[in-house]
Every structure is written in C-alpha cells, then in structure tokens.
Amino acid sequence: MNPRCGHALASQNCGSAWRSNCARQRNSAVLQGLLAQGGSVAAAANLVGMSRMAAYRLRRAEGGEGIAHSWDAVLAIRAGTTHVPQRKVTPNELMAWAIDGPVVVMMRRGRFMRWQRKPCNLSLIHISEPTRPY
C-alpha cells in the first residue's frame, strides 16, 4: 500500500490529478470519522481543515454517494433511530472497491482512530458475474 495516499499498489504513481483525488479521499474519510465522533458537520469540517460548505459540496460531488450514505447513517444513528438508510453500490464504486477497497472508518469507544482501505474480493465476484443481482 502506498503510505502517502492509501492506494493498494505501492508502485502506483500519484500525479497531480491523483494527488488531489487522494487528498479528497483522505479528507472525506477523516470527515466521516469526525462526524461520527462529534455529530457536528461544522466542527468535523473545521478539524479536517475545510469549511462547512466545502463539506456539503464534497457530499454532493460526483462520486460522493458513499460519503452521503455514511453521513446519513451517522446522523440517523446519532438521532437514535433504529432504521439506517440502505443504499446500492454503483458499478464505478464496485471497480474502485475491487482495486483499492472501500473506505473503512475505524472507531474505538466512540472516538475516531483511523481509516483504511482493503481490496474487496466480493466486488471482483460481482464484476465478473454481471448477471448476478447485487
């Protein structure tokens, strides 16, 4: 794993476009963890180093379905609801999960510890068998 950006392949070159994408992934993962810890979007965004509006733009951005879902799930859990919204994984996300893996936020005793990505073998199965329902 490339320690600078979290890509699965250590030899993967992270040019300027990759670097901005890696920074966005890192910021979104840390934002999700801090949001789960504190429940406040403004406080979490401030700790990440972005404005509250930048956090909302990140949620609405193309490819931000995972961020939006985790955001909704965190707010639902913090509100005390037992129903966490369900979502489907898009085909583009399946390919990214197969290569880099989904973003997993690690919490310990209600505090954000770190985030990681591990390649997901189940995504490879879904990609190789397109007729199989998700």
Protein backbone atom coordinates (compact mmCIF):
# COMPACT_ATOMS: atom_id res chain seq x y z
CA MET A 1 0.00 0.00 0.00
CA ASN A 2 1.23 3.46 -0.88
CA PRO A 3 1.57 5.19 2.54
CA ARG A 4 1.13 8.68 1.12
CA CYS A 5 -2.24 8.18 -0.49
CA GLY A 6 -3.63 4.79 0.55
CA HIS A 7 -3.69 3.19 -2.90
CA ALA A 8 -3.40 -0.59 -2.93
CA LEU A 9 -0.35 -0.61 -5.18
CA ALA A 10 2.75 0.89 -3.60
CA SER A 11 4.26 1.49 -7.04
CA GLN A 12 1.21 3.42 -8.26
CA ASN A 13 2.34 6.87 -9.34
CA CYS A 14 0.23 9.61 -7.85
CA GLY A 15 0.45 12.56 -10.23
CA SER A 16 -1.24 15.89 -9.56
CA ALA A 17 -4.70 14.61 -10.55
CA TRP A 18 -4.23 11.50 -8.40
CA ARG A 19 -2.87 13.60 -5.55
CA SER A 20 -5.95 15.83 -5.45
CA ASN A 21 -8.19 12.75 -5.59
CA CYS A 22 -6.17 11.11 -2.80
CA ALA A 23 -6.44 14.23 -0.68
CA ARG A 24 -10.19 14.29 -1.28
CA GLN A 25 -10.48 10.63 -0.26
CA ARG A 26 -8.41 11.22 2.86
CA ASN A 27 -10.38 14.34 3.80
CA SER A 28 -13.71 12.59 3.23
CA ALA A 29 -12.67 9.58 5.32
CA VAL A 30 -11.45 11.75 8.18
CA LEU A 31 -14.58 13.90 7.89
CA GLN A 32 -16.77 10.78 8.17
CA GLY A 33 -14.90 9.62 11.26
CA LEU A 34 -15.02 13.00 12.97
CA LEU A 35 -18.69 13.38 12.08
CA ALA A 36 -19.39 10.01 13.69
CA GLN A 37 -17.42 11.07 16.75
CA GLY A 38 -18.92 14.51 17.30
CA GLY A 39 -22.10 14.69 15.22
CA SER A 40 -21.42 18.25 14.06
CA VAL A 41 -20.65 18.88 10.40
CA ALA A 42 -19.13 22.31 11.08
CA ALA A 43 -16.82 21.02 13.84
CA ALA A 44 -15.73 17.99 11.81
CA ALA A 45 -15.07 20.10 8.72
CA ASN A 46 -13.10 22.60 10.80
CA LEU A 47 -10.90 19.83 12.21
CA VAL A 48 -10.24 18.50 8.69
CA GLY A 49 -9.31 21.99 7.52
CA MET A 50 -12.26 22.75 5.27
CA SER A 51 -15.28 24.96 5.55
CA ARG A 52 -18.74 23.64 6.31
CA MET A 53 -19.85 24.49 2.78
CA ALA A 54 -16.87 22.58 1.31
CA ALA A 55 -18.01 19.53 3.29
CA TYR A 56 -21.51 19.84 1.83
CA ARG A 57 -20.02 20.25 -1.68
CA LEU A 58 -17.96 17.11 -1.11
CA ARG A 59 -21.17 15.28 -0.20
CA ARG A 60 -22.95 16.48 -3.38
CA ALA A 61 -19.98 15.94 -5.71
CA GLU A 62 -19.99 13.31 -8.43
CA GLY A 63 -18.90 10.04 -6.86
CA GLY A 64 -19.91 11.22 -3.39
CA GLU A 65 -22.67 8.63 -2.93
CA GLY A 66 -20.64 6.76 -0.32
CA ILE A 67 -19.98 9.92 1.65
CA ALA A 68 -23.64 10.91 1.50
CA HIS A 69 -24.74 7.47 2.68
CA SER A 70 -22.32 7.33 5.60
CA TRP A 71 -23.27 10.89 6.51
CA ASP A 72 -26.98 9.96 6.58
CA ALA A 73 -26.24 6.78 8.53
CA VAL A 74 -24.19 8.64 11.15
CA LEU A 75 -26.89 11.27 11.64
CA ALA A 76 -29.60 8.58 11.86
CA ILE A 77 -27.64 6.62 14.47
CA ARG A 78 -26.85 9.75 16.49
CA ALA A 79 -30.54 10.73 16.38
CA GLY A 80 -31.39 7.39 17.99
CA THR A 81 -33.29 5.89 15.06
CA THR A 82 -33.06 2.17 14.58
CA HIS A 83 -33.53 2.48 10.81
CA VAL A 84 -30.27 3.17 8.95
CA PRO A 85 -30.85 4.05 5.29
CA GLN A 86 -29.86 1.37 2.76
CA ARG A 87 -28.04 2.02 -0.48
CA LYS A 88 -26.84 0.23 -3.59
CA VAL A 89 -23.26 0.30 -4.75
CA THR A 90 -22.78 1.78 -8.21
CA PRO A 91 -20.74 -0.11 -10.86
CA ASN A 92 -18.00 2.53 -10.70
CA GLU A 93 -17.74 2.03 -6.95
CA LEU A 94 -17.55 -1.74 -7.43
CA MET A 95 -14.49 -1.34 -9.64
CA ALA A 96 -12.85 1.03 -7.15
CA TRP A 97 -13.66 -1.37 -4.29
CA ALA A 98 -12.10 -4.25 -6.22
CA ILE A 99 -8.84 -2.35 -6.75
CA ASP A 100 -8.42 -0.12 -3.70
CA GLY A 101 -11.25 -1.29 -1.45
CA PRO A 102 -13.99 0.65 0.33
CA VAL A 103 -13.14 3.32 2.85
CA VAL A 104 -13.47 1.85 6.34
CA VAL A 105 -13.53 4.25 9.28
CA MET A 106 -12.14 2.73 12.49
CA MET A 107 -13.73 3.87 15.73
CA ARG A 108 -12.80 2.87 19.26
CA ARG A 109 -15.05 3.67 22.21
CA GLY A 110 -16.85 6.32 20.20
CA ARG A 111 -13.67 8.07 19.05
CA PHE A 112 -12.26 8.24 15.54
CA MET A 113 -8.96 6.35 15.37
CA ARG A 114 -8.04 5.98 11.67
CA TRP A 115 -9.29 4.96 8.27
CA GLN A 116 -8.14 2.29 5.86
CA ARG A 117 -8.88 0.72 2.50
CA LYS A 118 -8.62 -3.00 1.76
CA PRO A 119 -9.36 -4.56 -1.64
CA CYS A 120 -12.70 -6.33 -1.61
CA ASN A 121 -12.85 -9.79 -3.21
CA LEU A 122 -16.65 -9.75 -3.24
CA SER A 123 -16.51 -6.79 -5.64
CA LEU A 124 -14.44 -8.87 -8.05
CA ILE A 125 -17.08 -11.60 -7.96
CA HIS A 126 -19.84 -9.08 -8.71
CA ILE A 127 -17.84 -7.59 -11.57
CA SER A 128 -17.06 -10.99 -13.08
CA GLU A 129 -20.71 -12.14 -12.84
CA PRO A 130 -22.75 -9.22 -14.18
CA THR A 131 -25.98 -11.22 -14.35
CA ARG A 132 -25.93 -11.90 -10.63
CA PRO A 133 -28.11 -9.43 -8.69
CA TYR A 134 -26.33 -7.16 -6.21
